[in-house]
C-alpha cells in the first residue's frame, strides 16, 4: 500500500489538511510525535484507530512531500573541497 491510498485531503475533513483515511488524525500530528522521538507504540496507544502501517505511510508521505517542495541543491563551488 502506498501513501496515496492512505492519506487523503478532503475539504470537508479538517479543512482539507492531510489525514489518514477513515480518521480525522492529521498527518502533521503523527509527524509531531515522531519529531519528538515518540515510539510507534506510543502513537498507536494514543490513536487506537491507527496501525503501524499508517505511521510508516505518514513518513513516506512526508518524504515525498519534502522532495517535491525543496529546491534542487546548489552545486559546491569548484574551489571548495569536500572531505
N, C-alpha and C. Protein backbone atom coordinates (compact mmCIF):
# COMPACT_ATOMS: atom_id res chain seq x y z
N UNK A 1 0.84 -1.18 0.00
CA UNK A 1 0.00 0.00 0.00
C UNK A 1 0.88 1.24 0.00
N UNK A 2 0.48 2.24 -0.76
CA UNK A 2 1.25 3.48 -0.85
C UNK A 2 0.55 4.58 -0.07
N UNK A 3 1.27 5.67 0.13
CA UNK A 3 0.66 6.76 0.89
C UNK A 3 -0.52 7.35 0.14
N UNK A 4 -0.54 7.24 -1.18
CA UNK A 4 -1.68 7.76 -1.94
C UNK A 4 -2.97 7.03 -1.58
N UNK A 5 -2.86 5.78 -1.15
CA UNK A 5 -4.04 5.00 -0.76
C UNK A 5 -4.50 5.33 0.66
N UNK A 6 -3.61 5.82 1.50
CA UNK A 6 -3.92 6.00 2.92
C UNK A 6 -4.06 7.45 3.37
N UNK A 7 -3.47 8.38 2.64
CA UNK A 7 -3.52 9.79 3.03
C UNK A 7 -4.51 10.50 2.11
N UNK A 8 -5.44 11.22 2.72
CA UNK A 8 -6.45 11.93 1.92
C UNK A 8 -6.51 13.39 2.32
N UNK A 9 -6.95 14.20 1.36
CA UNK A 9 -7.23 15.62 1.59
C UNK A 9 -8.65 15.86 1.09
N UNK A 10 -9.52 16.19 2.00
CA UNK A 10 -10.91 16.43 1.67
C UNK A 10 -11.32 17.73 2.36
N UNK A 11 -11.78 18.70 1.60
CA UNK A 11 -12.16 19.98 2.21
C UNK A 11 -13.18 19.83 3.34
N UNK A 12 -13.95 18.75 3.34
CA UNK A 12 -14.96 18.54 4.37
C UNK A 12 -14.38 17.91 5.64
N UNK A 13 -13.11 17.48 5.59
CA UNK A 13 -12.46 16.84 6.74
C UNK A 13 -11.25 17.68 7.12
N UNK A 14 -11.27 18.23 8.31
CA UNK A 14 -10.13 19.00 8.85
C UNK A 14 -9.66 20.08 7.87
N UNK A 15 -10.62 20.74 7.22
CA UNK A 15 -10.32 21.83 6.28
C UNK A 15 -9.35 21.44 5.18
N UNK A 16 -9.38 20.18 4.78
CA UNK A 16 -8.54 19.75 3.67
C UNK A 16 -7.11 19.42 4.03
N UNK A 17 -6.77 19.45 5.31
CA UNK A 17 -5.42 19.07 5.72
C UNK A 17 -5.26 17.56 5.53
N UNK A 18 -4.06 17.09 5.23
CA UNK A 18 -3.88 15.66 5.02
C UNK A 18 -4.16 14.87 6.31
N UNK A 19 -5.00 13.84 6.17
CA UNK A 19 -5.34 12.95 7.28
C UNK A 19 -5.20 11.51 6.82
N UNK A 20 -5.16 10.61 7.78
CA UNK A 20 -5.14 9.19 7.47
C UNK A 20 -6.57 8.77 7.14
N UNK A 21 -6.74 8.11 6.00
CA UNK A 21 -8.07 7.73 5.51
C UNK A 21 -8.89 7.04 6.59
N UNK A 22 -10.14 7.44 6.71
CA UNK A 22 -11.05 6.84 7.67
C UNK A 22 -10.91 7.40 9.08
N UNK A 23 -10.05 8.40 9.25
CA UNK A 23 -9.85 9.01 10.56
C UNK A 23 -9.86 10.53 10.39
N UNK A 24 -9.76 11.20 11.49
CA UNK A 24 -9.53 12.64 11.48
C UNK A 24 -8.15 12.94 12.08
N UNK A 25 -7.28 11.95 12.03
CA UNK A 25 -5.92 12.10 12.57
C UNK A 25 -5.07 12.79 11.50
N UNK A 26 -4.59 13.97 11.86
CA UNK A 26 -3.77 14.76 10.94
C UNK A 26 -2.39 14.14 10.76
N UNK A 27 -1.92 14.18 9.53
CA UNK A 27 -0.56 13.72 9.24
C UNK A 27 0.44 14.50 10.08
N UNK A 28 0.23 15.82 10.20
CA UNK A 28 1.19 16.64 10.95
C UNK A 28 1.22 16.27 12.44
N UNK A 29 0.12 15.76 12.96
CA UNK A 29 0.10 15.32 14.36
C UNK A 29 1.04 14.13 14.54
N UNK A 30 0.95 13.16 13.64
CA UNK A 30 1.82 11.98 13.73
C UNK A 30 3.28 12.39 13.52
N UNK A 31 3.52 13.28 12.57
CA UNK A 31 4.89 13.76 12.35
C UNK A 31 5.43 14.47 13.59
N UNK A 32 4.58 15.20 14.28
CA UNK A 32 4.99 15.87 15.52
C UNK A 32 5.41 14.87 16.58
N UNK A 33 4.64 13.80 16.72
CA UNK A 33 5.02 12.74 17.66
C UNK A 33 6.39 12.18 17.29
N UNK A 34 6.56 11.86 16.02
CA UNK A 34 7.84 11.27 15.58
C UNK A 34 8.99 12.24 15.78
N UNK A 35 8.76 13.52 15.50
CA UNK A 35 9.81 14.53 15.66
C UNK A 35 10.24 14.66 17.12
N UNK A 36 9.31 14.39 18.04
CA UNK A 36 9.63 14.45 19.47
C UNK A 36 10.27 13.15 19.97
N UNK A 37 10.45 12.19 19.05
CA UNK A 37 11.11 10.94 19.43
C UNK A 37 10.18 9.89 20.01
N UNK A 38 8.87 10.11 19.89
CA UNK A 38 7.93 9.14 20.43
C UNK A 38 7.97 7.85 19.62
N UNK A 39 7.96 6.72 20.28
CA UNK A 39 7.96 5.44 19.56
C UNK A 39 6.59 5.17 18.93
N UNK A 40 6.59 4.34 17.93
CA UNK A 40 5.35 3.97 17.25
C UNK A 40 4.32 3.44 18.24
N UNK A 41 4.76 2.66 19.21
CA UNK A 41 3.85 2.10 20.21
C UNK A 41 3.08 3.18 20.95
N UNK A 42 3.72 4.28 21.26
CA UNK A 42 3.05 5.39 21.96
C UNK A 42 2.00 6.03 21.05
N UNK A 43 2.34 6.19 19.77
CA UNK A 43 1.40 6.77 18.81
C UNK A 43 0.17 5.87 18.70
N UNK A 44 0.40 4.58 18.60
CA UNK A 44 -0.72 3.63 18.47
C UNK A 44 -1.56 3.59 19.74
N UNK A 45 -0.95 3.78 20.88
CA UNK A 45 -1.71 3.82 22.14
C UNK A 45 -2.58 5.07 22.21
N UNK A 46 -2.05 6.20 21.74
CA UNK A 46 -2.79 7.45 21.78
C UNK A 46 -3.86 7.54 20.68
N UNK A 47 -3.64 6.82 19.59
CA UNK A 47 -4.58 6.83 18.46
C UNK A 47 -4.90 5.38 18.09
N UNK A 48 -5.77 4.73 18.83
CA UNK A 48 -6.03 3.30 18.62
C UNK A 48 -6.62 2.96 17.25
N UNK A 49 -7.12 3.94 16.53
CA UNK A 49 -7.65 3.66 15.19
C UNK A 49 -6.54 3.50 14.15
N UNK A 50 -5.31 3.83 14.52
CA UNK A 50 -4.19 3.73 13.59
C UNK A 50 -3.50 2.38 13.68
N UNK A 51 -2.77 2.06 12.62
CA UNK A 51 -1.95 0.85 12.58
C UNK A 51 -0.49 1.26 12.41
N UNK A 52 0.38 0.30 12.61
CA UNK A 52 1.80 0.56 12.40
C UNK A 52 2.04 0.98 10.95
N UNK A 53 1.33 0.36 10.03
CA UNK A 53 1.45 0.73 8.61
C UNK A 53 1.07 2.19 8.39
N UNK A 54 0.05 2.68 9.08
CA UNK A 54 -0.36 4.07 8.96
C UNK A 54 0.80 5.01 9.32
N UNK A 55 1.52 4.67 10.37
CA UNK A 55 2.64 5.52 10.80
C UNK A 55 3.73 5.50 9.72
N UNK A 56 4.03 4.34 9.16
CA UNK A 56 5.03 4.26 8.09
C UNK A 56 4.59 5.05 6.87
N UNK A 57 3.31 5.01 6.56
CA UNK A 57 2.77 5.74 5.41
C UNK A 57 2.92 7.25 5.61
N UNK A 58 2.74 7.70 6.83
CA UNK A 58 2.91 9.13 7.13
C UNK A 58 4.35 9.55 6.84
N UNK A 59 5.31 8.72 7.21
CA UNK A 59 6.72 9.04 6.94
C UNK A 59 6.97 9.06 5.43
N UNK A 60 6.41 8.11 4.70
CA UNK A 60 6.57 8.08 3.25
C UNK A 60 5.95 9.32 2.61
N UNK A 61 4.79 9.72 3.10
CA UNK A 61 4.13 10.92 2.60
C UNK A 61 5.00 12.15 2.84
N UNK A 62 5.56 12.26 4.04
CA UNK A 62 6.41 13.41 4.37
C UNK A 62 7.66 13.43 3.49
N UNK A 63 8.25 12.27 3.25
CA UNK A 63 9.44 12.21 2.40
C UNK A 63 9.11 12.64 0.98
N UNK A 64 8.00 12.17 0.46
CA UNK A 64 7.60 12.54 -0.90
C UNK A 64 7.28 14.03 -0.97
N UNK A 65 6.61 14.55 0.05
CA UNK A 65 6.27 15.98 0.07
C UNK A 65 7.53 16.84 0.13
N UNK A 66 8.49 16.42 0.91
CA UNK A 66 9.74 17.19 1.04
C UNK A 66 10.50 17.21 -0.28
N UNK A 67 10.51 16.09 -0.99
CA UNK A 67 11.25 16.05 -2.24
C UNK A 67 10.58 16.91 -3.30
N UNK A 68 9.28 17.13 -3.20
CA UNK A 68 8.58 17.98 -4.16
C UNK A 68 8.79 19.45 -3.86
N UNK A 69 8.91 19.82 -2.59
CA UNK A 69 8.95 21.22 -2.19
C UNK A 69 10.35 21.81 -2.11
N UNK A 70 11.34 20.98 -1.96
CA UNK A 70 12.69 21.50 -1.78
C UNK A 70 13.32 21.87 -3.12
N UNK A 71 14.02 22.99 -3.15
CA UNK A 71 14.72 23.33 -4.40
C UNK A 71 15.89 22.38 -4.60
N UNK A 72 16.32 22.27 -5.83
CA UNK A 72 17.49 21.44 -6.13
C UNK A 72 18.70 22.02 -5.41
N UNK A 73 19.58 21.16 -4.89
CA UNK A 73 20.76 21.68 -4.19
C UNK A 73 21.68 22.44 -5.14
N UNK A 74 22.30 23.47 -4.61
CA UNK A 74 23.25 24.26 -5.38
C UNK A 74 24.58 23.52 -5.38
N UNK A 75 25.19 23.33 -6.55
CA UNK A 75 26.49 22.66 -6.58
C UNK A 75 27.53 23.45 -5.80
N UNK A 76 28.43 22.75 -5.16
CA UNK A 76 29.51 23.41 -4.42
C UNK A 76 30.47 24.06 -5.42
N UNK A 77 30.98 25.25 -5.08
CA UNK A 77 31.97 25.89 -5.97
C UNK A 77 33.18 24.99 -6.15
N UNK A 78 33.84 25.11 -7.27
CA UNK A 78 34.98 24.25 -7.58
C UNK A 78 36.11 24.39 -6.58
N UNK A 79 36.28 25.58 -6.00
CA UNK A 79 37.39 25.79 -5.07
C UNK A 79 37.14 25.19 -3.69
N UNK A 80 35.93 24.78 -3.39
CA UNK A 80 35.62 24.18 -2.10
C UNK A 80 35.88 22.68 -2.20
N UNK A 81 36.70 22.20 -1.28
CA UNK A 81 37.00 20.77 -1.25
C UNK A 81 36.19 20.11 -0.15
N UNK A 82 35.52 19.06 -0.49
CA UNK A 82 34.71 18.34 0.48
C UNK A 82 35.49 17.12 0.93
N UNK A 83 35.60 16.97 2.25
CA UNK A 83 36.37 15.86 2.80
C UNK A 83 35.67 14.56 2.61
